[in-house]
Amino acid sequence: MEELLEILNDIQPGVDFEHEDHLIDDHLLDSLSIISLVAELEDTFDVTIPAVEIIPANFNSANAMLEMVQRLQED
């Protein structure tokens, strides 16, 4: 989780990523942030995030992102 939080804080500083669970719904992350985030997650966690996984439910919170990454690592 620490690596993920570092990535998120680099992309969008000043957001409480540990407690926020509406990052997309509350417009705290925009489309350019998501594109950067996908690239960073793929590089850092050695996964490929297919387009079908780039949905608000997977990016609304740090926990949702971590669950997605862990699921993709298992595949």
Protein backbone atom coordinates (compact mmCIF):
# COMPACT_ATOMS: atom_id res chain seq x y z
CA MET A 1 0.00 0.00 0.00
CA GLU A 2 2.88 2.41 0.75
CA GLU A 3 4.11 2.26 -2.85
CA LEU A 4 0.62 2.92 -4.12
CA LEU A 5 0.15 5.89 -1.80
CA GLU A 6 3.49 7.34 -2.96
CA ILE A 7 2.40 7.06 -6.58
CA LEU A 8 -0.96 8.69 -5.83
CA ASN A 9 0.64 11.55 -3.89
CA ASP A 10 3.09 12.18 -6.74
CA ILE A 11 0.24 12.36 -9.25
CA GLN A 12 -2.21 14.35 -7.12
CA PRO A 13 -0.68 15.87 -3.97
CA GLY A 14 -2.88 17.08 -1.14
CA VAL A 15 -5.54 14.37 -1.25
CA ASP A 16 -6.11 12.04 1.71
CA PHE A 17 -5.82 8.85 -0.33
CA GLU A 18 -5.89 6.61 2.74
CA HIS A 19 -9.44 7.67 3.63
CA GLU A 20 -11.01 9.00 0.43
CA ASP A 21 -13.26 6.51 -1.33
CA HIS A 22 -14.81 8.68 -4.05
CA LEU A 23 -11.72 9.77 -6.00
CA ILE A 24 -13.45 9.57 -9.37
CA ASP A 25 -16.95 10.46 -8.24
CA ASP A 26 -15.72 13.59 -6.43
CA HIS A 27 -13.44 14.55 -9.35
CA LEU A 28 -10.26 14.30 -7.26
CA LEU A 29 -8.65 12.33 -10.10
CA ASP A 30 -9.24 13.40 -13.70
CA SER A 31 -8.67 11.49 -16.92
CA LEU A 32 -5.05 12.62 -17.29
CA SER A 33 -4.34 11.54 -13.71
CA ILE A 34 -5.85 8.14 -14.44
CA ILE A 35 -3.67 7.71 -17.54
CA SER A 36 -0.56 8.56 -15.53
CA LEU A 37 -1.72 6.33 -12.70
CA VAL A 38 -2.28 3.34 -14.99
CA ALA A 39 1.24 3.69 -16.42
CA GLU A 40 2.79 3.99 -12.95
CA LEU A 41 0.84 1.04 -11.57
CA GLU A 42 1.84 -1.12 -14.53
CA ASP A 43 5.52 -0.23 -14.13
CA THR A 44 5.67 -0.46 -10.35
CA PHE A 45 3.64 -3.63 -9.86
CA ASP A 46 4.57 -5.38 -13.13
CA VAL A 47 0.99 -5.80 -14.32
CA THR A 48 -0.95 -4.94 -17.44
CA ILE A 49 -4.18 -3.09 -16.79
CA PRO A 50 -6.57 -3.84 -19.65
CA ALA A 51 -9.02 -1.19 -20.80
CA VAL A 52 -11.95 -3.14 -19.30
CA GLU A 53 -10.42 -2.62 -15.83
CA ILE A 54 -10.24 1.17 -16.21
CA ILE A 55 -13.59 1.85 -14.60
CA PRO A 56 -14.51 4.14 -11.69
CA ALA A 57 -15.07 1.22 -9.31
CA ASN A 58 -11.40 0.24 -9.64
CA PHE A 59 -10.07 3.78 -9.13
CA ASN A 60 -12.42 5.37 -6.57
CA SER A 61 -10.11 4.49 -3.66
CA ALA A 62 -6.58 3.37 -2.93
CA ASN A 63 -8.00 0.11 -1.57
CA ALA A 64 -9.90 -0.55 -4.80
CA MET A 65 -6.75 0.10 -6.81
CA LEU A 66 -4.72 -2.22 -4.62
CA GLU A 67 -7.34 -4.96 -4.93
CA MET A 68 -7.30 -4.58 -8.71
CA VAL A 69 -3.49 -4.76 -8.84
CA GLN A 70 -3.43 -7.83 -6.60
CA ARG A 71 -6.09 -9.50 -8.74
CA LEU A 72 -4.10 -8.75 -11.90
CA GLN A 73 -0.89 -10.06 -10.35
CA GLU A 74 -2.60 -13.39 -9.72
CA ASP A 75 -3.61 -13.77 -13.38
